[in-house]
């Protein structure tokens, strides 16, 4: 599978978040050609501010391979990671992150800062951006548009 194929898997996770009323962000962790972890936002569901899609997926991937190090793994996520998730990617020793749309308000890869490629850290993460960007941005826009419309009705 190529970057677009794995990003479609991440988008399927984002749809699961959407169905739960969560901000629709999804992620998958790939090692070799196998998806070893999946996740979508669960902050509201779990009442846990760390339950971002990337964290959920990386935790599952680590459990599945029996190691906290995700060396050689690629994380596909629909939106540019925030500072917490970018930091976790460094801690998990992820090789590469592939993301869809930028996040100008919280992005810690290309928007506000660049945590993943900071040379002062003991590990850097490769970055591929803009994969299925329109689709990834579209689901977020649709979610917040629907939220604003619902708020207007109340």
N, C-alpha and C. Protein backbone atom coordinates (compact mmCIF):
# COMPACT_ATOMS: atom_id res chain seq x y z
N UNK A 1 0.86 -1.18 0.00
CA UNK A 1 0.00 0.00 0.00
C UNK A 1 0.90 1.24 0.00
N UNK A 2 0.45 2.30 -0.62
CA UNK A 2 1.22 3.55 -0.68
C UNK A 2 0.72 4.54 0.39
N UNK A 3 1.36 5.73 0.42
CA UNK A 3 0.96 6.73 1.41
C UNK A 3 -0.53 7.03 1.37
N UNK A 4 -1.09 7.17 0.18
CA UNK A 4 -2.52 7.50 0.07
C UNK A 4 -3.39 6.38 0.64
N UNK A 5 -3.00 5.15 0.40
CA UNK A 5 -3.77 4.01 0.92
C UNK A 5 -3.79 3.98 2.44
N UNK A 6 -2.63 4.18 3.05
CA UNK A 6 -2.58 4.20 4.51
C UNK A 6 -3.31 5.43 5.07
N UNK A 7 -3.24 6.55 4.36
CA UNK A 7 -3.96 7.73 4.82
C UNK A 7 -5.47 7.49 4.75
N UNK A 8 -5.91 6.72 3.78
CA UNK A 8 -7.35 6.39 3.73
C UNK A 8 -7.75 5.57 4.97
N UNK A 9 -6.84 4.73 5.43
CA UNK A 9 -7.09 3.97 6.67
C UNK A 9 -7.19 4.94 7.86
N UNK A 10 -6.32 5.94 7.89
CA UNK A 10 -6.39 6.95 8.95
C UNK A 10 -7.70 7.75 8.85
N UNK A 11 -8.12 8.05 7.63
CA UNK A 11 -9.39 8.75 7.45
C UNK A 11 -10.57 7.90 7.93
N UNK A 12 -10.50 6.59 7.75
CA UNK A 12 -11.55 5.71 8.26
C UNK A 12 -11.61 5.79 9.79
N UNK A 13 -10.44 5.92 10.42
CA UNK A 13 -10.41 6.11 11.88
C UNK A 13 -11.02 7.46 12.25
N UNK A 14 -10.73 8.49 11.46
CA UNK A 14 -11.31 9.82 11.72
C UNK A 14 -12.83 9.76 11.65
N UNK A 15 -13.35 8.98 10.72
CA UNK A 15 -14.82 8.83 10.61
C UNK A 15 -15.40 8.20 11.87
N UNK A 16 -14.66 7.28 12.49
CA UNK A 16 -15.11 6.67 13.75
C UNK A 16 -15.21 7.73 14.84
N UNK A 17 -14.21 8.62 14.89
CA UNK A 17 -14.25 9.71 15.86
C UNK A 17 -15.45 10.61 15.60
N UNK A 18 -15.66 10.94 14.33
CA UNK A 18 -16.79 11.79 13.94
C UNK A 18 -18.10 11.20 14.45
N UNK A 19 -18.27 9.90 14.25
CA UNK A 19 -19.50 9.22 14.67
C UNK A 19 -19.71 9.30 16.18
N UNK A 20 -18.63 9.43 16.94
CA UNK A 20 -18.71 9.54 18.40
C UNK A 20 -18.87 10.98 18.87
N UNK A 21 -18.84 11.93 17.93
CA UNK A 21 -18.90 13.33 18.31
C UNK A 21 -17.55 13.89 18.73
N UNK A 22 -16.49 13.15 18.45
CA UNK A 22 -15.12 13.58 18.74
C UNK A 22 -14.59 14.37 17.56
N UNK A 23 -13.61 15.25 17.79
CA UNK A 23 -12.95 15.92 16.68
C UNK A 23 -12.38 14.81 15.78
N UNK A 24 -12.75 14.81 14.50
CA UNK A 24 -12.44 13.67 13.63
C UNK A 24 -11.00 13.64 13.13
N UNK A 25 -10.14 13.09 13.95
CA UNK A 25 -8.74 12.87 13.59
C UNK A 25 -8.47 11.39 13.75
N UNK A 26 -7.78 10.81 12.76
CA UNK A 26 -7.48 9.39 12.81
C UNK A 26 -6.02 9.15 12.53
N UNK A 27 -5.54 7.99 12.98
CA UNK A 27 -4.13 7.64 12.79
C UNK A 27 -3.99 6.12 12.66
N UNK A 28 -2.98 5.71 11.91
CA UNK A 28 -2.56 4.32 11.88
C UNK A 28 -1.04 4.27 11.97
N UNK A 29 -0.53 3.21 12.55
CA UNK A 29 0.91 2.99 12.66
C UNK A 29 1.24 1.80 11.78
N UNK A 30 2.24 1.98 10.92
CA UNK A 30 2.61 0.96 9.95
C UNK A 30 4.06 0.54 10.19
N UNK A 31 4.28 -0.75 10.23
CA UNK A 31 5.63 -1.31 10.33
C UNK A 31 5.77 -2.32 9.20
N UNK A 32 6.78 -2.12 8.35
CA UNK A 32 6.86 -2.92 7.13
C UNK A 32 5.69 -2.53 6.26
N UNK A 33 4.86 -3.49 5.94
CA UNK A 33 3.64 -3.18 5.18
C UNK A 33 2.39 -3.56 5.96
N UNK A 34 2.54 -3.61 7.29
CA UNK A 34 1.45 -4.05 8.15
C UNK A 34 1.01 -2.94 9.10
N UNK A 35 -0.29 -2.73 9.21
CA UNK A 35 -0.83 -1.79 10.19
C UNK A 35 -0.79 -2.48 11.55
N UNK A 36 -0.02 -1.90 12.48
CA UNK A 36 0.13 -2.50 13.81
C UNK A 36 -0.60 -1.72 14.90
N UNK A 37 -1.15 -0.58 14.54
CA UNK A 37 -1.91 0.21 15.51
C UNK A 37 -2.88 1.14 14.80
N UNK A 38 -4.02 1.33 15.41
CA UNK A 38 -5.06 2.23 14.88
C UNK A 38 -5.57 3.08 16.03
N UNK A 39 -5.96 4.30 15.69
CA UNK A 39 -6.53 5.14 16.72
C UNK A 39 -7.30 6.31 16.15
N UNK A 40 -8.22 6.81 16.94
CA UNK A 40 -8.94 8.03 16.61
C UNK A 40 -9.14 8.79 17.91
N UNK A 41 -9.44 10.05 17.79
CA UNK A 41 -9.62 10.89 18.98
C UNK A 41 -10.66 10.27 19.90
N UNK A 42 -10.32 10.24 21.19
CA UNK A 42 -11.23 9.72 22.21
C UNK A 42 -11.21 10.60 23.47
N UNK A 43 -10.82 11.86 23.30
CA UNK A 43 -10.71 12.75 24.46
C UNK A 43 -12.02 12.90 25.21
N UNK A 44 -13.10 13.15 24.50
CA UNK A 44 -14.40 13.34 25.14
C UNK A 44 -14.91 12.02 25.70
N UNK A 45 -14.77 10.96 24.94
CA UNK A 45 -15.26 9.64 25.34
C UNK A 45 -14.58 9.15 26.61
N UNK A 46 -13.26 9.28 26.67
CA UNK A 46 -12.48 8.79 27.81
C UNK A 46 -12.23 9.85 28.88
N UNK A 47 -12.65 11.09 28.61
CA UNK A 47 -12.35 12.21 29.50
C UNK A 47 -10.85 12.25 29.80
N UNK A 48 -10.07 12.19 28.71
CA UNK A 48 -8.62 12.09 28.81
C UNK A 48 -8.01 12.98 27.74
N UNK A 49 -7.38 14.07 28.15
CA UNK A 49 -6.82 15.01 27.19
C UNK A 49 -5.64 14.43 26.41
N UNK A 50 -5.09 13.30 26.84
CA UNK A 50 -4.01 12.67 26.08
C UNK A 50 -4.51 11.66 25.05
N UNK A 51 -5.80 11.45 24.97
CA UNK A 51 -6.36 10.43 24.07
C UNK A 51 -6.51 10.96 22.64
N UNK A 52 -5.42 11.50 22.11
CA UNK A 52 -5.38 11.92 20.71
C UNK A 52 -5.18 10.69 19.84
N UNK A 53 -5.59 10.77 18.60
CA UNK A 53 -5.52 9.64 17.67
C UNK A 53 -4.14 9.02 17.62
N UNK A 54 -3.11 9.86 17.53
CA UNK A 54 -1.74 9.35 17.39
C UNK A 54 -1.31 8.58 18.63
N UNK A 55 -1.63 9.11 19.81
CA UNK A 55 -1.26 8.47 21.07
C UNK A 55 -1.96 7.12 21.18
N UNK A 56 -3.26 7.10 20.90
CA UNK A 56 -4.03 5.86 20.96
C UNK A 56 -3.42 4.82 20.02
N UNK A 57 -3.10 5.23 18.80
CA UNK A 57 -2.54 4.30 17.80
C UNK A 57 -1.16 3.81 18.20
N UNK A 58 -0.32 4.72 18.71
CA UNK A 58 1.04 4.31 19.08
C UNK A 58 1.03 3.39 20.30
N UNK A 59 0.15 3.64 21.25
CA UNK A 59 0.03 2.75 22.41
C UNK A 59 -0.39 1.35 21.96
N UNK A 60 -1.37 1.29 21.07
CA UNK A 60 -1.81 -0.01 20.57
C UNK A 60 -0.69 -0.71 19.80
N UNK A 61 0.03 0.03 18.97
CA UNK A 61 1.12 -0.55 18.20
C UNK A 61 2.19 -1.13 19.13
N UNK A 62 2.54 -0.41 20.17
CA UNK A 62 3.54 -0.89 21.13
C UNK A 62 3.09 -2.17 21.81
N UNK A 63 1.82 -2.21 22.21
CA UNK A 63 1.29 -3.43 22.82
C UNK A 63 1.35 -4.59 21.82
N UNK A 64 1.01 -4.31 20.56
CA UNK A 64 0.98 -5.37 19.56
C UNK A 64 2.35 -5.95 19.25
N UNK A 65 3.39 -5.13 19.30
CA UNK A 65 4.72 -5.67 19.01
C UNK A 65 5.52 -5.99 20.27
N UNK A 66 4.99 -5.63 21.43
CA UNK A 66 5.66 -5.94 22.69
C UNK A 66 6.91 -5.11 22.93
N UNK A 67 6.90 -3.86 22.49
CA UNK A 67 8.06 -2.99 22.68
C UNK A 67 7.58 -1.54 22.66
N UNK A 68 8.12 -0.72 23.56
CA UNK A 68 7.75 0.70 23.55
C UNK A 68 8.41 1.43 22.41
N UNK A 69 9.45 0.87 21.84
CA UNK A 69 10.13 1.50 20.70
C UNK A 69 9.43 1.10 19.41
N UNK A 70 9.04 2.08 18.65
CA UNK A 70 8.41 1.83 17.35
C UNK A 70 9.42 2.12 16.24
N UNK A 71 10.64 1.66 16.44
CA UNK A 71 11.72 1.87 15.47
C UNK A 71 11.31 1.33 14.11
N UNK A 72 11.50 2.14 13.09
CA UNK A 72 11.16 1.74 11.73
C UNK A 72 9.70 1.95 11.37
N UNK A 73 8.88 2.39 12.32
CA UNK A 73 7.44 2.56 12.08
C UNK A 73 7.13 3.93 11.49
N UNK A 74 6.05 3.97 10.74
CA UNK A 74 5.51 5.21 10.19
C UNK A 74 4.13 5.45 10.77
N UNK A 75 3.90 6.65 11.25
CA UNK A 75 2.58 7.04 11.75
C UNK A 75 1.91 7.88 10.67
N UNK A 76 0.73 7.46 10.25
CA UNK A 76 -0.11 8.22 9.32
C UNK A 76 -1.20 8.88 10.14
N UNK A 77 -1.32 10.19 10.02
CA UNK A 77 -2.32 10.92 10.80
C UNK A 77 -2.94 11.98 9.90
N UNK A 78 -4.23 12.18 10.06
CA UNK A 78 -4.97 13.06 9.16
C UNK A 78 -4.62 14.53 9.32
N UNK A 79 -4.16 14.93 10.51
CA UNK A 79 -3.85 16.33 10.79
C UNK A 79 -2.44 16.42 11.38
N UNK A 80 -1.77 17.50 11.09
CA UNK A 80 -0.44 17.76 11.64
C UNK A 80 -0.43 17.56 13.16
N UNK A 81 0.51 16.79 13.67
CA UNK A 81 0.55 16.53 15.11
C UNK A 81 0.76 17.78 15.95
N UNK A 82 0.16 17.76 17.15
CA UNK A 82 0.32 18.82 18.14
C UNK A 82 1.64 18.60 18.88
N UNK A 83 2.03 19.52 19.76
CA UNK A 83 3.29 19.34 20.50
C UNK A 83 3.33 18.05 21.33
N UNK A 84 2.23 17.68 21.96
CA UNK A 84 2.20 16.47 22.77
C UNK A 84 2.44 15.23 21.90
N UNK A 85 1.73 15.15 20.79
CA UNK A 85 1.85 13.98 19.92
C UNK A 85 3.22 13.93 19.25
N UNK A 86 3.73 15.08 18.84
CA UNK A 86 5.07 15.12 18.25
C UNK A 86 6.11 14.66 19.27
N UNK A 87 5.98 15.12 20.49
CA UNK A 87 6.90 14.68 21.54
C UNK A 87 6.79 13.19 21.79
N UNK A 88 5.57 12.67 21.78
CA UNK A 88 5.38 11.23 21.97
C UNK A 88 6.01 10.44 20.82
N UNK A 89 5.94 10.97 19.62
CA UNK A 89 6.57 10.29 18.48
C UNK A 89 8.08 10.17 18.66
N UNK A 90 8.67 11.21 19.24
CA UNK A 90 10.10 11.15 19.54
C UNK A 90 10.35 10.10 20.61
N UNK A 91 9.54 10.09 21.65
CA UNK A 91 9.72 9.12 22.73
C UNK A 91 9.50 7.68 22.26
N UNK A 92 8.56 7.46 21.36
CA UNK A 92 8.30 6.13 20.81
C UNK A 92 9.33 5.73 19.75
N UNK A 93 10.20 6.67 19.38
CA UNK A 93 11.25 6.43 18.37
C UNK A 93 10.66 6.09 17.00
N UNK A 94 9.57 6.76 16.64
CA UNK A 94 8.95 6.60 15.33
C UNK A 94 9.94 7.06 14.25
N UNK A 95 9.95 6.37 13.14
CA UNK A 95 10.87 6.75 12.06
C UNK A 95 10.33 7.92 11.24
N UNK A 96 9.03 7.85 10.87
CA UNK A 96 8.45 8.84 9.97
C UNK A 96 7.01 9.13 10.37
N UNK A 97 6.60 10.38 10.19
CA UNK A 97 5.18 10.72 10.29
C UNK A 97 4.74 11.23 8.93
N UNK A 98 3.58 10.77 8.51
CA UNK A 98 2.96 11.22 7.27
C UNK A 98 1.63 11.83 7.69
N UNK A 99 1.43 13.12 7.38
CA UNK A 99 0.17 13.73 7.78
C UNK A 99 -0.52 14.37 6.58
N UNK A 100 -1.82 14.58 6.76
CA UNK A 100 -2.64 15.12 5.68
C UNK A 100 -2.65 16.64 5.64
N UNK A 101 -3.40 17.25 6.56
CA UNK A 101 -3.61 18.70 6.55
C UNK A 101 -2.82 19.37 7.67
N UNK A 102 -2.39 20.58 7.42
CA UNK A 102 -1.71 21.36 8.46
C UNK A 102 -2.70 21.80 9.52
N UNK A 103 -2.18 22.15 10.68
CA UNK A 103 -2.99 22.67 11.77
C UNK A 103 -2.36 23.99 12.21
N UNK A 104 -2.80 25.11 11.61
CA UNK A 104 -2.17 26.40 11.90
C UNK A 104 -2.30 26.85 13.36
N UNK A 105 -3.23 26.28 14.12
CA UNK A 105 -3.43 26.70 15.51
C UNK A 105 -2.66 25.85 16.52
N UNK A 106 -2.32 24.61 16.15
CA UNK A 106 -1.66 23.73 17.13
C UNK A 106 -0.58 22.84 16.52
N UNK A 107 -0.29 22.99 15.25
CA UNK A 107 0.67 22.11 14.59
C UNK A 107 2.10 22.29 15.07
N UNK A 108 2.74 21.17 15.41
CA UNK A 108 4.11 21.23 15.94
C UNK A 108 5.10 20.56 15.01
N UNK A 109 4.80 20.58 13.72
CA UNK A 109 5.71 20.01 12.72
C UNK A 109 6.10 21.06 11.70
N UNK A 110 5.11 21.71 11.10
CA UNK A 110 5.38 22.71 10.07
C UNK A 110 4.70 24.06 10.34
N UNK A 111 3.70 24.10 11.21
CA UNK A 111 2.93 25.33 11.39
C UNK A 111 3.50 26.28 12.44
N UNK A 112 3.45 25.89 13.69
CA UNK A 112 3.89 26.77 14.77
C UNK A 112 5.36 26.55 15.11
N UNK A 113 5.75 25.29 15.12
CA UNK A 113 7.14 24.93 15.45
C UNK A 113 7.45 23.60 14.78
N UNK A 114 8.69 23.17 14.90
CA UNK A 114 9.11 21.89 14.32
C UNK A 114 9.75 21.04 15.40
N UNK A 115 8.93 20.32 16.13
CA UNK A 115 9.41 19.47 17.21
C UNK A 115 10.12 18.23 16.65
N UNK A 116 9.56 17.65 15.60
CA UNK A 116 10.05 16.36 15.12
C UNK A 116 11.46 16.38 14.54
N UNK A 117 11.84 17.51 13.98
CA UNK A 117 13.17 17.58 13.35
C UNK A 117 14.15 18.43 14.15
N UNK A 118 13.82 18.70 15.41
CA UNK A 118 14.68 19.50 16.27
C UNK A 118 15.98 18.74 16.55
N UNK A 119 17.10 19.26 16.10
CA UNK A 119 18.37 18.52 16.23
C UNK A 119 18.87 18.36 17.66
N UNK A 120 18.35 19.15 18.60
CA UNK A 120 18.81 19.03 19.98
C UNK A 120 18.23 17.81 20.70
N UNK A 121 17.16 17.24 20.14
CA UNK A 121 16.62 16.01 20.73
C UNK A 121 17.48 14.83 20.32
N UNK A 122 17.39 13.74 21.09
CA UNK A 122 18.20 12.56 20.79
C UNK A 122 17.65 11.74 19.62
N UNK A 123 16.48 12.08 19.12
CA UNK A 123 15.87 11.36 18.00
C UNK A 123 15.10 12.36 17.15
N UNK A 124 15.20 12.23 15.85
CA UNK A 124 14.40 13.05 14.93
C UNK A 124 13.50 12.12 14.13
N UNK A 125 12.39 12.68 13.70
CA UNK A 125 11.39 11.93 12.96
C UNK A 125 11.27 12.54 11.57
N UNK A 126 11.33 11.70 10.54
CA UNK A 126 11.12 12.18 9.17
C UNK A 126 9.68 12.60 8.97
N UNK A 127 9.46 13.49 8.02
CA UNK A 127 8.13 14.05 7.80
C UNK A 127 7.77 14.02 6.32
N UNK A 128 6.54 13.58 6.05
CA UNK A 128 5.92 13.71 4.73
C UNK A 128 4.59 14.40 4.98
N UNK A 129 4.32 15.50 4.29
CA UNK A 129 3.08 16.25 4.55
C UNK A 129 2.24 16.37 3.29
N UNK A 130 0.97 16.67 3.50
CA UNK A 130 0.07 16.97 2.39
C UNK A 130 -0.55 15.77 1.70
N UNK A 131 -0.48 14.58 2.31
CA UNK A 131 -1.06 13.39 1.69
C UNK A 131 -2.58 13.41 1.90
N UNK A 132 -3.32 13.40 0.81
CA UNK A 132 -4.79 13.52 0.83
C UNK A 132 -5.24 14.73 1.65
N UNK A 133 -4.52 15.81 1.47
CA UNK A 133 -4.73 17.02 2.26
C UNK A 133 -6.18 17.52 2.21
N UNK A 134 -6.78 17.56 1.04
CA UNK A 134 -8.15 18.08 0.94
C UNK A 134 -9.14 17.23 1.71
N UNK A 135 -9.01 15.91 1.60
CA UNK A 135 -9.91 15.01 2.32
C UNK A 135 -9.72 15.14 3.83
N UNK A 136 -8.47 15.23 4.25
CA UNK A 136 -8.17 15.33 5.68
C UNK A 136 -8.68 16.65 6.26
N UNK A 137 -8.49 17.74 5.53
CA UNK A 137 -9.01 19.03 6.00
C UNK A 137 -10.54 19.05 5.91
N UNK A 138 -11.08 18.39 4.91
CA UNK A 138 -12.52 18.41 4.68
C UNK A 138 -13.34 17.83 5.81
N UNK A 139 -12.88 16.73 6.39
CA UNK A 139 -13.66 16.10 7.47
C UNK A 139 -13.67 16.98 8.72
N UNK A 140 -12.56 17.68 8.97
CA UNK A 140 -12.51 18.60 10.11
C UNK A 140 -13.44 19.79 9.87
N UNK A 141 -13.37 20.34 8.66
CA UNK A 141 -14.23 21.48 8.33
C UNK A 141 -15.70 21.11 8.43
N UNK A 142 -16.04 19.93 7.93
CA UNK A 142 -17.43 19.46 7.99
C UNK A 142 -17.88 19.32 9.44
N UNK A 143 -17.04 18.76 10.29
CA UNK A 143 -17.37 18.57 11.70
C UNK A 143 -17.65 19.90 12.39
N UNK A 144 -16.75 20.87 12.22
CA UNK A 144 -16.92 22.15 12.91
C UNK A 144 -18.05 22.97 12.30
N UNK A 145 -18.29 22.84 10.99
CA UNK A 145 -19.44 23.51 10.38
C UNK A 145 -20.73 22.98 10.98
N UNK A 146 -20.82 21.67 11.11
CA UNK A 146 -22.00 21.04 11.70
C UNK A 146 -22.17 21.46 13.16
N UNK A 147 -21.08 21.56 13.88
CA UNK A 147 -21.12 21.98 15.28
C UNK A 147 -21.63 23.41 15.41
N UNK A 148 -21.13 24.30 14.53
CA UNK A 148 -21.60 25.70 14.56
C UNK A 148 -23.08 25.79 14.21
N UNK A 149 -23.51 25.01 13.22
CA UNK A 149 -24.93 25.03 12.85
C UNK A 149 -25.80 24.54 13.99
N UNK A 150 -25.35 23.49 14.68
CA UNK A 150 -26.12 22.97 15.81
C UNK A 150 -26.18 24.00 16.93
N UNK A 151 -25.08 24.71 17.18
CA UNK A 151 -25.05 25.73 18.22
C UNK A 151 -25.98 26.88 17.90
N UNK A 152 -26.09 27.24 16.61
CA UNK A 152 -26.99 28.32 16.19
C UNK A 152 -28.45 27.94 16.44
N UNK A 153 -28.77 26.68 16.26
CA UNK A 153 -30.15 26.21 16.43
C UNK A 153 -30.58 26.19 17.89
N UNK A 154 -29.62 26.10 18.78
CA UNK A 154 -29.96 25.99 20.22
C UNK A 154 -30.12 27.31 20.88
